[in-house]
PDB file of N, CA and C in Angstrom:
ATOM      1  N   MET A   1      -6.383   2.959  10.849  1.00  0.00           N
ATOM      2  CA  MET A   1      -6.483   1.638  10.174  1.00  0.00           C
ATOM      3  C   MET A   1      -6.604   0.571  11.249  1.00  0.00           C
ATOM      4  N   LYS A   2      -7.433   0.776  12.203  1.00  0.00           N
ATOM      5  CA  LYS A   2      -7.549  -0.091  13.314  1.00  0.00           C
ATOM      6  C   LYS A   2      -7.916  -1.474  12.925  1.00  0.00           C
ATOM      7  N   SER A   3      -8.900  -1.696  12.083  1.00  0.00           N
ATOM      8  CA  SER A   3      -9.288  -3.017  11.707  1.00  0.00           C
ATOM      9  C   SER A   3      -8.628  -3.635  10.539  1.00  0.00           C
ATOM     10  N   HIS A   4      -7.801  -2.865   9.899  1.00  0.00           N
ATOM     11  CA  HIS A   4      -7.015  -3.311   8.675  1.00  0.00           C
ATOM     12  C   HIS A   4      -5.663  -3.701   9.149  1.00  0.00           C
ATOM     13  N   LYS A   5      -5.242  -4.819   8.563  1.00  0.00           N
ATOM     14  CA  LYS A   5      -3.863  -5.306   8.791  1.00  0.00           C
ATOM     15  C   LYS A   5      -3.083  -5.283   7.453  1.00  0.00           C
ATOM     16  N   TYR A   6      -1.763  -5.059   7.548  1.00  0.00           N
ATOM     17  CA  TYR A   6      -0.984  -5.123   6.378  1.00  0.00           C
ATOM     18  C   TYR A   6       0.317  -5.848   6.593  1.00  0.00           C
ATOM     19  N   THR A   7       0.847  -6.403   5.506  1.00  0.00           N
ATOM     20  CA  THR A   7       2.281  -6.887   5.504  1.00  0.00           C
ATOM     21  C   THR A   7       2.911  -6.348   4.255  1.00  0.00           C
ATOM     22  N   ASP A   8       4.235  -6.075   4.378  1.00  0.00           N
ATOM     23  CA  ASP A   8       4.969  -5.517   3.296  1.00  0.00           C
ATOM     24  C   ASP A   8       6.205  -6.355   3.024  1.00  0.00           C
ATOM     25  N   LYS A   9       6.301  -6.842   1.852  1.00  0.00           N
ATOM     26  CA  LYS A   9       7.561  -7.526   1.413  1.00  0.00           C
ATOM     27  C   LYS A   9       8.254  -6.652   0.468  1.00  0.00           C
ATOM     28  N   GLN A  10       9.496  -6.429   0.662  1.00  0.00           N
ATOM     29  CA  GLN A  10      10.260  -5.512  -0.182  1.00  0.00           C
ATOM     30  C   GLN A  10      11.365  -6.210  -0.992  1.00  0.00           C
ATOM     31  N   TYR A  11      11.463  -5.926  -2.222  1.00  0.00           N
ATOM     32  CA  TYR A  11      12.395  -6.503  -3.094  1.00  0.00           C
ATOM     33  C   TYR A  11      13.292  -5.423  -3.826  1.00  0.00           C
ATOM     34  N   ARG A  12      14.568  -5.685  -3.879  1.00  0.00           N
ATOM     35  CA  ARG A  12      15.484  -4.815  -4.610  1.00  0.00           C
ATOM     36  C   ARG A  12      15.374  -5.178  -6.095  1.00  0.00           C
ATOM     37  N   SER A  13      15.237  -4.243  -6.950  1.00  0.00           N
ATOM     38  CA  SER A  13      15.190  -4.458  -8.382  1.00  0.00           C
ATOM     39  C   SER A  13      16.547  -4.991  -8.855  1.00  0.00           C
ATOM     40  N   THR A  14      16.502  -6.079  -9.642  1.00  0.00           N
ATOM     41  CA  THR A  14      17.775  -6.597 -10.247  1.00  0.00           C
ATOM     42  C   THR A  14      18.095  -5.976 -11.583  1.00  0.00           C
ATOM     43  N   SER A  15      16.991  -5.423 -12.208  1.00  0.00           N
ATOM     44  CA  SER A  15      17.257  -4.883 -13.575  1.00  0.00           C
ATOM     45  C   SER A  15      17.446  -3.317 -13.582  1.00  0.00           C
ATOM     46  N   LEU A  16      16.819  -2.697 -12.523  1.00  0.00           N
ATOM     47  CA  LEU A  16      16.997  -1.229 -12.568  1.00  0.00           C
ATOM     48  C   LEU A  16      17.653  -0.809 -11.203  1.00  0.00           C
ATOM     49  N   PRO A  17      18.783  -0.250 -11.220  1.00  0.00           N
ATOM     50  CA  PRO A  17      19.479   0.123  -9.977  1.00  0.00           C
ATOM     51  C   PRO A  17      18.664   1.168  -9.154  1.00  0.00           C
ATOM     52  N   ASN A  18      18.796   1.158  -7.855  1.00  0.00           N
ATOM     53  CA  ASN A  18      18.200   2.080  -6.942  1.00  0.00           C
ATOM     54  C   ASN A  18      16.662   2.063  -6.948  1.00  0.00           C
ATOM     55  N   LEU A  19      16.073   0.948  -7.341  1.00  0.00           N
ATOM     56  CA  LEU A  19      14.622   0.810  -7.227  1.00  0.00           C
ATOM     57  C   LEU A  19      14.280  -0.358  -6.315  1.00  0.00           C
ATOM     58  N   ARG A  20      13.085  -0.170  -5.665  1.00  0.00           N
ATOM     59  CA  ARG A  20      12.625  -1.182  -4.744  1.00  0.00           C
ATOM     60  C   ARG A  20      11.186  -1.424  -5.112  1.00  0.00           C
ATOM     61  N   LYS A  21      10.804  -2.716  -5.120  1.00  0.00           N
ATOM     62  CA  LYS A  21       9.367  -3.120  -5.353  1.00  0.00           C
ATOM     63  C   LYS A  21       8.730  -3.572  -4.090  1.00  0.00           C
ATOM     64  N   HIS A  22       7.553  -3.117  -3.787  1.00  0.00           N
ATOM     65  CA  HIS A  22       6.829  -3.504  -2.615  1.00  0.00           C
ATOM     66  C   HIS A  22       5.641  -4.432  -2.989  1.00  0.00           C
ATOM     67  N   SER A  23       5.453  -5.414  -2.157  1.00  0.00           N
ATOM     68  CA  SER A  23       4.225  -6.245  -2.287  1.00  0.00           C
ATOM     69  C   SER A  23       3.420  -6.103  -0.979  1.00  0.00           C
ATOM     70  N   ILE A  24       2.491  -5.202  -0.952  1.00  0.00           N
ATOM     71  CA  ILE A  24       1.763  -4.882   0.276  1.00  0.00           C
ATOM     72  C   ILE A  24       0.440  -5.552   0.274  1.00  0.00           C
ATOM     73  N   ARG A  25       0.178  -6.486   1.176  1.00  0.00           N
ATOM     74  CA  ARG A  25      -1.084  -7.164   1.287  1.00  0.00           C
ATOM     75  C   ARG A  25      -1.892  -6.477   2.444  1.00  0.00           C
ATOM     76  N   VAL A  26      -3.080  -5.936   2.061  1.00  0.00           N
ATOM     77  CA  VAL A  26      -3.932  -5.316   3.093  1.00  0.00           C
ATOM     78  C   VAL A  26      -5.140  -6.140   3.294  1.00  0.00           C
ATOM     79  N   THR A  27      -5.538  -6.504   4.501  1.00  0.00           N
ATOM     80  CA  THR A  27      -6.698  -7.378   4.848  1.00  0.00           C
ATOM     81  C   THR A  27      -7.608  -6.564   5.819  1.00  0.00           C
ATOM     82  N   TYR A  28      -8.934  -6.751   5.567  1.00  0.00           N
ATOM     83  CA  TYR A  28      -9.981  -6.270   6.513  1.00  0.00           C
ATOM     84  C   TYR A  28     -10.802  -7.372   6.885  1.00  0.00           C
ATOM     85  N   ALA A  29     -10.953  -7.592   8.218  1.00  0.00           N
ATOM     86  CA  ALA A  29     -11.649  -8.738   8.715  1.00  0.00           C
ATOM     87  C   ALA A  29     -13.148  -8.637   8.728  1.00  0.00           C
ATOM     88  N   GLY A  30     -13.604  -7.352   8.614  1.00  0.00           N
ATOM     89  CA  GLY A  30     -15.071  -7.112   8.708  1.00  0.00           C
ATOM     90  C   GLY A  30     -15.708  -7.083   7.361  1.00  0.00           C
ATOM     91  N   CYS A  31     -16.949  -6.572   7.282  1.00  0.00           N
ATOM     92  CA  CYS A  31     -17.705  -6.478   6.028  1.00  0.00           C
ATOM     93  C   CYS A  31     -17.789  -4.954   5.732  1.00  0.00           C
ATOM     94  N   ALA A  32     -17.326  -4.509   4.579  1.00  0.00           N
ATOM     95  CA  ALA A  32     -17.310  -3.057   4.268  1.00  0.00           C
ATOM     96  C   ALA A  32     -16.962  -2.821   2.779  1.00  0.00           C
ATOM     97  N   ILE A  33     -17.129  -1.635   2.419  1.00  0.00           N
ATOM     98  CA  ILE A  33     -16.680  -1.024   1.153  1.00  0.00           C
ATOM     99  C   ILE A  33     -15.468  -0.233   1.568  1.00  0.00           C
ATOM    100  N   TRP A  34     -14.251  -0.509   0.963  1.00  0.00           N
ATOM    101  CA  TRP A  34     -13.087   0.268   1.319  1.00  0.00           C
ATOM    102  C   TRP A  34     -12.125   0.411   0.133  1.00  0.00           C
ATOM    103  N   LYS A  35     -11.189   1.264   0.283  1.00  0.00           N
ATOM    104  CA  LYS A  35     -10.181   1.477  -0.827  1.00  0.00           C
ATOM    105  C   LYS A  35      -8.818   1.495  -0.190  1.00  0.00           C
ATOM    106  N   ALA A  36      -7.871   0.877  -0.828  1.00  0.00           N
ATOM    107  CA  ALA A  36      -6.467   0.857  -0.351  1.00  0.00           C
ATOM    108  C   ALA A  36      -5.644   1.508  -1.427  1.00  0.00           C
ATOM    109  N   ARG A  37      -4.743   2.395  -0.989  1.00  0.00           N
ATOM    110  CA  ARG A  37      -3.849   3.115  -2.005  1.00  0.00           C
ATOM    111  C   ARG A  37      -2.457   3.106  -1.336  1.00  0.00           C
ATOM    112  N   ALA A  38      -1.463   2.788  -2.256  1.00  0.00           N
ATOM    113  CA  ALA A  38      -0.076   2.950  -1.835  1.00  0.00           C
ATOM    114  C   ALA A  38       0.643   3.869  -2.793  1.00  0.00           C
ATOM    115  N   ALA A  39       1.385   4.836  -2.254  1.00  0.00           N
ATOM    116  CA  ALA A  39       2.117   5.763  -3.055  1.00  0.00           C
ATOM    117  C   ALA A  39       3.597   5.801  -2.659  1.00  0.00           C
ATOM    118  N   VAL A  40       4.469   5.888  -3.608  1.00  0.00           N
ATOM    119  CA  VAL A  40       5.943   5.990  -3.300  1.00  0.00           C
ATOM    120  C   VAL A  40       6.612   6.785  -4.413  1.00  0.00           C
ATOM    121  N   LYS A  41       7.640   7.591  -3.979  1.00  0.00           N
ATOM    122  CA  LYS A  41       8.369   8.403  -4.899  1.00  0.00           C
ATOM    123  C   LYS A  41       9.182   7.532  -5.819  1.00  0.00           C
ATOM    124  N   TRP A  42       9.099   7.861  -7.077  1.00  0.00           N
ATOM    125  CA  TRP A  42       9.952   7.183  -8.074  1.00  0.00           C
ATOM    126  C   TRP A  42      10.481   8.232  -9.017  1.00  0.00           C
ATOM    127  N   GLY A  43      11.739   8.497  -8.821  1.00  0.00           N
ATOM    128  CA  GLY A  43      12.417   9.607  -9.621  1.00  0.00           C
ATOM    129  C   GLY A  43      11.768  10.896  -9.272  1.00  0.00           C
ATOM    130  N   SER A  44      11.281  11.644 -10.345  1.00  0.00           N
ATOM    131  CA  SER A  44      10.630  12.918 -10.166  1.00  0.00           C
ATOM    132  C   SER A  44       9.149  12.836 -10.066  1.00  0.00           C
ATOM    133  N   SER A  45       8.616  11.612 -10.019  1.00  0.00           N
ATOM    134  CA  SER A  45       7.123  11.368 -10.022  1.00  0.00           C
ATOM    135  C   SER A  45       6.810  10.437  -8.808  1.00  0.00           C
ATOM    136  N   VAL A  46       5.586  10.055  -8.730  1.00  0.00           N
ATOM    137  CA  VAL A  46       5.099   9.180  -7.704  1.00  0.00           C
ATOM    138  C   VAL A  46       4.332   8.038  -8.311  1.00  0.00           C
ATOM    139  N   ASP A  47       4.684   6.792  -7.929  1.00  0.00           N
ATOM    140  CA  ASP A  47       3.969   5.606  -8.378  1.00  0.00           C
ATOM    141  C   ASP A  47       2.859   5.362  -7.359  1.00  0.00           C
ATOM    142  N   THR A  48       1.588   5.423  -7.881  1.00  0.00           N
ATOM    143  CA  THR A  48       0.439   5.210  -7.020  1.00  0.00           C
ATOM    144  C   THR A  48      -0.368   4.010  -7.564  1.00  0.00           C
ATOM    145  N   VAL A  49      -0.682   3.097  -6.603  1.00  0.00           N
ATOM    146  CA  VAL A  49      -1.444   1.925  -6.925  1.00  0.00           C
ATOM    147  C   VAL A  49      -2.623   1.926  -5.999  1.00  0.00           C
ATOM    148  N   GLU A  50      -3.851   1.685  -6.503  1.00  0.00           N
ATOM    149  CA  GLU A  50      -4.988   1.646  -5.621  1.00  0.00           C
ATOM    150  C   GLU A  50      -6.014   0.568  -6.009  1.00  0.00           C
ATOM    151  N   GLN A  51      -6.834   0.171  -5.135  1.00  0.00           N
ATOM    152  CA  GLN A  51      -7.803  -0.864  -5.419  1.00  0.00           C
ATOM    153  C   GLN A  51      -9.017  -0.634  -4.556  1.00  0.00           C
ATOM    154  N   ASP A  52     -10.187  -0.742  -5.193  1.00  0.00           N
ATOM    155  CA  ASP A  52     -11.424  -0.714  -4.412  1.00  0.00           C
ATOM    156  C   ASP A  52     -11.888  -2.141  -3.998  1.00  0.00           C
ATOM    157  N   VAL A  53     -12.480  -2.240  -2.786  1.00  0.00           N
ATOM    158  CA  VAL A  53     -12.751  -3.562  -2.256  1.00  0.00           C
ATOM    159  C   VAL A  53     -14.197  -3.519  -1.684  1.00  0.00           C
ATOM    160  N   GLU A  54     -15.012  -4.568  -1.892  1.00  0.00           N
ATOM    161  CA  GLU A  54     -16.299  -4.637  -1.295  1.00  0.00           C
ATOM    162  C   GLU A  54     -16.563  -6.087  -0.837  1.00  0.00           C
ATOM    163  N   GLY A  55     -17.090  -6.286   0.395  1.00  0.00           N
ATOM    164  CA  GLY A  55     -17.363  -7.612   0.904  1.00  0.00           C
ATOM    165  C   GLY A  55     -16.778  -7.874   2.281  1.00  0.00           C
ATOM    166  N   CYS A  56     -16.812  -9.095   2.664  1.00  0.00           N
ATOM    167  CA  CYS A  56     -16.389  -9.514   4.005  1.00  0.00           C
ATOM    168  C   CYS A  56     -15.044 -10.294   3.910  1.00  0.00           C
ATOM    169  N   ASN A  57     -14.181 -10.079   4.881  1.00  0.00           N
ATOM    170  CA  ASN A  57     -12.863 -10.778   4.962  1.00  0.00           C
ATOM    171  C   ASN A  57     -12.082 -10.683   3.685  1.00  0.00           C
ATOM    172  N   LYS A  58     -11.975  -9.515   3.157  1.00  0.00           N
ATOM    173  CA  LYS A  58     -11.247  -9.349   1.841  1.00  0.00           C
ATOM    174  C   LYS A  58      -9.839  -8.841   2.038  1.00  0.00           C
ATOM    175  N   SER A  59      -9.009  -9.119   1.084  1.00  0.00           N
ATOM    176  CA  SER A  59      -7.693  -8.584   1.066  1.00  0.00           C
ATOM    177  C   SER A  59      -7.276  -8.174  -0.389  1.00  0.00           C
ATOM    178  N   VAL A  60      -6.331  -7.268  -0.438  1.00  0.00           N
ATOM    179  CA  VAL A  60      -5.808  -6.782  -1.748  1.00  0.00           C
ATOM    180  C   VAL A  60      -4.356  -6.824  -1.710  1.00  0.00           C
ATOM    181  N   LEU A  61      -3.714  -6.873  -2.863  1.00  0.00           N
ATOM    182  CA  LEU A  61      -2.240  -6.872  -3.034  1.00  0.00           C
ATOM    183  C   LEU A  61      -1.898  -5.611  -3.806  1.00  0.00           C
ATOM    184  N   LEU A  62      -1.120  -4.693  -3.257  1.00  0.00           N
ATOM    185  CA  LEU A  62      -0.641  -3.557  -3.895  1.00  0.00           C
ATOM    186  C   LEU A  62       0.797  -3.659  -4.235  1.00  0.00           C
ATOM    187  N   THR A  63       1.256  -3.327  -5.405  1.00  0.00           N
ATOM    188  CA  THR A  63       2.601  -3.475  -5.770  1.00  0.00           C
ATOM    189  C   THR A  63       3.286  -2.226  -6.372  1.00  0.00           C
ATOM    190  N   PRO A  64       3.463  -1.178  -5.577  1.00  0.00           N
ATOM    191  CA  PRO A  64       4.197  -0.029  -6.142  1.00  0.00           C
ATOM    192  C   PRO A  64       5.665  -0.271  -6.213  1.00  0.00           C
ATOM    193  N   ILE A  65       6.328   0.483  -7.115  1.00  0.00           N
ATOM    194  CA  ILE A  65       7.706   0.488  -7.295  1.00  0.00           C
ATOM    195  C   ILE A  65       8.238   1.874  -7.087  1.00  0.00           C
ATOM    196  N   GLY A  66       9.308   2.046  -6.285  1.00  0.00           N
ATOM    197  CA  GLY A  66       9.830   3.416  -5.950  1.00  0.00           C
ATOM    198  C   GLY A  66      11.319   3.406  -5.775  1.00  0.00           C
ATOM    199  N   ASP A  67      11.735   4.538  -5.407  1.00  0.00           N
ATOM    200  CA  ASP A  67      13.175   4.700  -5.093  1.00  0.00           C
ATOM    201  C   ASP A  67      13.602   3.900  -3.956  1.00  0.00           C
ATOM    202  N   MET A  68      14.866   3.448  -3.931  1.00  0.00           N
ATOM    203  CA  MET A  68      15.378   2.562  -2.979  1.00  0.00           C
ATOM    204  C   MET A  68      15.170   3.067  -1.516  1.00  0.00           C
ATOM    205  N   LYS A  69      15.345   4.343  -1.249  1.00  0.00           N
ATOM    206  CA  LYS A  69      15.301   4.888   0.090  1.00  0.00           C
ATOM    207  C   LYS A  69      13.941   5.647   0.392  1.00  0.00           C
ATOM    208  N   ALA A  70      12.962   5.518  -0.502  1.00  0.00           N
ATOM    209  CA  ALA A  70      11.677   6.195  -0.269  1.00  0.00           C
ATOM    210  C   ALA A  70      10.779   5.315   0.573  1.00  0.00           C
ATOM    211  N   SER A  71      10.077   6.104   1.491  1.00  0.00           N
ATOM    212  CA  SER A  71       8.950   5.427   2.221  1.00  0.00           C
ATOM    213  C   SER A  71       7.650   5.376   1.422  1.00  0.00           C
ATOM    214  N   VAL A  72       6.895   4.365   1.679  1.00  0.00           N
ATOM    215  CA  VAL A  72       5.602   4.221   0.976  1.00  0.00           C
ATOM    216  C   VAL A  72       4.468   4.800   1.968  1.00  0.00           C
ATOM    217  N   THR A  73       3.547   5.537   1.390  1.00  0.00           N
ATOM    218  CA  THR A  73       2.387   6.003   2.092  1.00  0.00           C
ATOM    219  C   THR A  73       1.227   5.084   1.809  1.00  0.00           C
ATOM    220  N   LEU A  74       0.777   4.326   2.803  1.00  0.00           N
ATOM    221  CA  LEU A  74      -0.375   3.451   2.677  1.00  0.00           C
ATOM    222  C   LEU A  74      -1.619   4.140   3.219  1.00  0.00           C
ATOM    223  N   THR A  75      -2.618   4.339   2.400  1.00  0.00           N
ATOM    224  CA  THR A  75      -3.890   4.987   2.826  1.00  0.00           C
ATOM    225  C   THR A  75      -5.044   4.032   2.669  1.00  0.00           C
ATOM    226  N   ILE A  76      -5.921   4.008   3.678  1.00  0.00           N
ATOM    227  CA  ILE A  76      -7.157   3.204   3.673  1.00  0.00           C
ATOM    228  C   ILE A  76      -8.305   4.121   3.865  1.00  0.00           C
ATOM    229  N   HIS A  77      -9.301   4.017   2.927  1.00  0.00           N
ATOM    230  CA  HIS A  77     -10.517   4.789   3.090  1.00  0.00           C
ATOM    231  C   HIS A  77     -11.673   3.843   3.214  1.00  0.00           C
ATOM    232  N   LEU A  78     -12.452   4.058   4.308  1.00  0.00           N
ATOM    233  CA  LEU A  78     -13.540   3.125   4.632  1.00  0.00           C
ATOM    234  C   LEU A  78     -14.833   3.827   4.356  1.00  0.00           C
ATOM    235  N   GLU A  79     -15.714   3.252   3.524  1.00  0.00           N
ATOM    236  CA  GLU A  79     -17.054   3.775   3.173  1.00  0.00           C
ATOM    237  C   GLU A  79     -18.064   3.024   4.014  1.00  0.00           C
ATOM    238  N   PRO A  80     -19.242   3.423   4.245  1.00  0.00           N
ATOM    239  CA  PRO A  80     -19.711   4.812   3.989  1.00  0.00           C
ATOM    240  C   PRO A  80     -19.406   5.678   5.138  1.00  0.00           C
ATOM    241  N   LEU A  81     -18.571   5.295   6.100  1.00  0.00           N
ATOM    242  CA  LEU A  81     -18.255   6.062   7.267  1.00  0.00           C
ATOM    243  C   LEU A  81     -17.433   7.265   7.013  1.00  0.00           C
ATOM    244  N   ASP A  82     -16.848   7.229   5.755  1.00  0.00           N
ATOM    245  CA  ASP A  82     -15.959   8.313   5.374  1.00  0.00           C
ATOM    246  C   ASP A  82     -14.778   8.564   6.255  1.00  0.00           C
ATOM    247  N   ARG A  83     -14.163   7.382   6.653  1.00  0.00           N
ATOM    248  CA  ARG A  83     -12.979   7.398   7.528  1.00  0.00           C
ATOM    249  C   ARG A  83     -11.732   7.113   6.665  1.00  0.00           C
ATOM    250  N   THR A  84     -10.628   7.850   6.951  1.00  0.00           N
ATOM    251  CA  THR A  84      -9.369   7.600   6.195  1.00  0.00           C
ATOM    252  C   THR A  84      -8.294   7.547   7.229  1.00  0.00           C
ATOM    253  N   GLY A  85      -7.376   6.604   7.017  1.00  0.00           N
ATOM    254  CA  GLY A  85      -6.163   6.533   7.768  1.00  0.00           C
ATOM    255  C   GLY A  85      -4.985   6.305   6.952  1.00  0.00           C
ATOM    256  N   SER A  86      -3.826   6.746   7.361  1.00  0.00           N
ATOM    257  CA  SER A  86      -2.604   6.584   6.613  1.00  0.00           C
ATOM    258  C   SER A  86      -1.428   6.064   7.480  1.00  0.00           C
ATOM    259  N   LYS A  87      -0.540   5.374   6.831  1.00  0.00           N
ATOM    260  CA  LYS A  87       0.660   4.817   7.553  1.00  0.00           C
ATOM    261  C   LYS A  87       1.852   5.011   6.638  1.00  0.00           C
ATOM    262  N   SER A  88       2.960   5.389   7.133  1.00  0.00           N
ATOM    263  CA  SER A  88       4.169   5.430   6.404  1.00  0.00           C
ATOM    264  C   SER A  88       4.968   4.181   6.603  1.00  0.00           C
ATOM    265  N   ILE A  89       5.362   3.523   5.551  1.00  0.00           N
ATOM    266  CA  ILE A  89       6.104   2.248   5.564  1.00  0.00           C
ATOM    267  C   ILE A  89       7.625   2.609   5.163  1.00  0.00           C
ATOM    268  N   LYS A  90       8.510   2.442   5.995  1.00  0.00           N
ATOM    269  CA  LYS A  90       9.853   2.801   5.743  1.00  0.00           C
ATOM    270  C   LYS A  90      10.597   1.623   4.997  1.00  0.00           C
ATOM    271  N   PRO A  91      11.592   1.963   4.149  1.00  0.00           N
ATOM    272  CA  PRO A  91      12.279   0.912   3.467  1.00  0.00           C
ATOM    273  C   PRO A  91      13.211   0.118   4.463  1.00  0.00           C
ATOM    274  N   VAL A  92      13.364  -1.117   4.205  1.00  0.00           N
ATOM    275  CA  VAL A  92      14.251  -1.961   5.057  1.00  0.00           C
ATOM    276  C   VAL A  92      15.669  -2.006   4.447  1.00  0.00           C
ATOM    277  N   GLY A  93      16.670  -2.157   5.400  1.00  0.00           N
ATOM    278  CA  GLY A  93      18.019  -2.326   4.952  1.00  0.00           C
ATOM    279  C   GLY A  93      18.562  -1.211   4.158  1.00  0.00           C
TER     280      GLY A  93
END
């Protein structure tokens, strides 16, 4: 994810114990077709949020919700080069 940048803000759920909401903003400074996907464990399943992007200097906001101590896997797929990169985002605090 060399050309992609991300920021992650994490929020503890006030209504559901042991859950954490992520607000992950992914930005690509170039011109491309790409997909961003965030996946995090939630109970016995996985919450996956993804978004397709096309254009120049675009950003997306992904908001998965998962277990308090679960890491988020952020995956970026760049078309038409067919390149994929992943990053594990650990929970804070």
